[in-house]
Amino acid sequence: MDKDDLKEMIQDLDLGSSATKQGRYVTQIIHFNNGVKRTIEGIDTHTIRQGQMTKFKLKDGSYCMINDANVLMIEVFREEP
């Protein structure tokens, strides 16, 4: 296995984000430690990658990164196709 194969495997790895069970696109309301809430619409659940920073792509092609240490709770709602 060469370096490119390993990179592809890591990129394709799905850690089982529970948001994918809601469908391809979801809206999330993220509740932060300081009491602030943010609503993010059009999240492509197939692009969610979790780590210290959770990263995902939106329908409009932009990316969003959230520092997990600052999050208390996330509400997930399915978007209609």
Protein backbone atom coordinates (compact mmCIF):
# COMPACT_ATOMS: atom_id res chain seq x y z
CA MET A 1 0.00 0.00 0.00
CA ASP A 2 1.47 3.33 -1.02
CA LYS A 3 0.99 6.78 0.52
CA ASP A 4 -1.76 7.82 -1.92
CA ASP A 5 -3.80 4.68 -1.18
CA LEU A 6 -3.56 5.37 2.54
CA LYS A 7 -4.63 9.01 2.08
CA GLU A 8 -7.64 7.88 0.03
CA MET A 9 -8.63 5.32 2.68
CA ILE A 10 -8.47 7.95 5.43
CA GLN A 11 -10.46 10.44 3.36
CA ASP A 12 -13.17 7.86 2.61
CA LEU A 13 -13.38 6.63 6.20
CA ASP A 14 -16.85 7.24 7.69
CA LEU A 15 -16.75 7.32 11.47
CA GLY A 16 -20.51 6.90 11.59
CA SER A 17 -21.78 10.41 12.22
CA SER A 18 -25.33 10.00 13.48
CA ALA A 19 -26.35 12.97 11.30
CA THR A 20 -26.09 10.73 8.21
CA LYS A 21 -29.12 8.79 9.46
CA GLN A 22 -31.23 11.93 8.94
CA GLY A 23 -30.48 12.06 5.21
CA ARG A 24 -27.99 13.61 2.80
CA TYR A 25 -28.63 17.24 3.83
CA VAL A 26 -29.44 18.50 7.32
CA THR A 27 -29.79 21.69 9.33
CA GLN A 28 -27.94 21.84 12.63
CA ILE A 29 -28.46 24.16 15.58
CA ILE A 30 -25.17 24.26 17.48
CA HIS A 31 -25.24 25.31 21.15
CA PHE A 32 -21.90 26.72 22.32
CA ASN A 33 -20.50 26.86 25.89
CA ASN A 34 -21.01 30.63 26.13
CA GLY A 35 -24.76 30.36 25.44
CA VAL A 36 -24.58 31.36 21.78
CA LYS A 37 -26.57 29.28 19.27
CA ARG A 38 -25.87 29.10 15.54
CA THR A 39 -28.10 27.57 12.88
CA ILE A 40 -26.30 26.08 9.89
CA GLU A 41 -28.40 24.94 6.93
CA GLY A 42 -27.50 22.73 3.98
CA ILE A 43 -24.90 20.52 5.66
CA ASP A 44 -23.83 17.61 3.43
CA THR A 45 -23.72 14.70 5.89
CA HIS A 46 -21.46 12.69 3.58
CA THR A 47 -18.67 15.23 4.14
CA ILE A 48 -18.71 15.39 7.97
CA ARG A 49 -15.26 14.60 9.39
CA GLN A 50 -14.80 14.57 13.14
CA GLY A 51 -11.66 15.30 15.13
CA GLN A 52 -10.61 18.19 17.35
CA MET A 53 -12.34 20.33 14.73
CA THR A 54 -15.46 18.96 13.04
CA LYS A 55 -15.40 19.83 9.34
CA PHE A 56 -18.19 19.67 6.76
CA LYS A 57 -19.22 21.04 3.39
CA LEU A 58 -22.39 23.02 2.72
CA LYS A 59 -24.72 22.86 -0.30
CA ASP A 60 -23.26 26.13 -1.63
CA GLY A 61 -19.77 24.58 -1.74
CA SER A 62 -18.35 26.39 1.29
CA TYR A 63 -16.78 24.58 4.23
CA CYS A 64 -17.39 25.01 7.95
CA MET A 65 -15.14 24.03 10.85
CA ILE A 66 -16.33 23.86 14.47
CA ASN A 67 -14.05 23.54 17.52
CA ASP A 68 -15.63 20.61 19.39
CA ALA A 69 -14.30 21.83 22.76
CA ASN A 70 -16.67 24.83 22.60
CA VAL A 71 -19.87 22.85 21.87
CA LEU A 72 -22.42 21.68 24.44
CA MET A 73 -25.06 20.19 22.16
CA ILE A 74 -26.08 19.89 18.50
CA GLU A 75 -29.66 19.57 17.24
CA VAL A 76 -30.01 17.90 13.83
CA PHE A 77 -33.01 18.29 11.51
CA ARG A 78 -33.55 16.57 8.18
CA GLU A 79 -33.97 18.82 5.16
CA GLU A 80 -36.51 17.93 2.51
CA PRO A 81 -34.96 17.00 -0.86
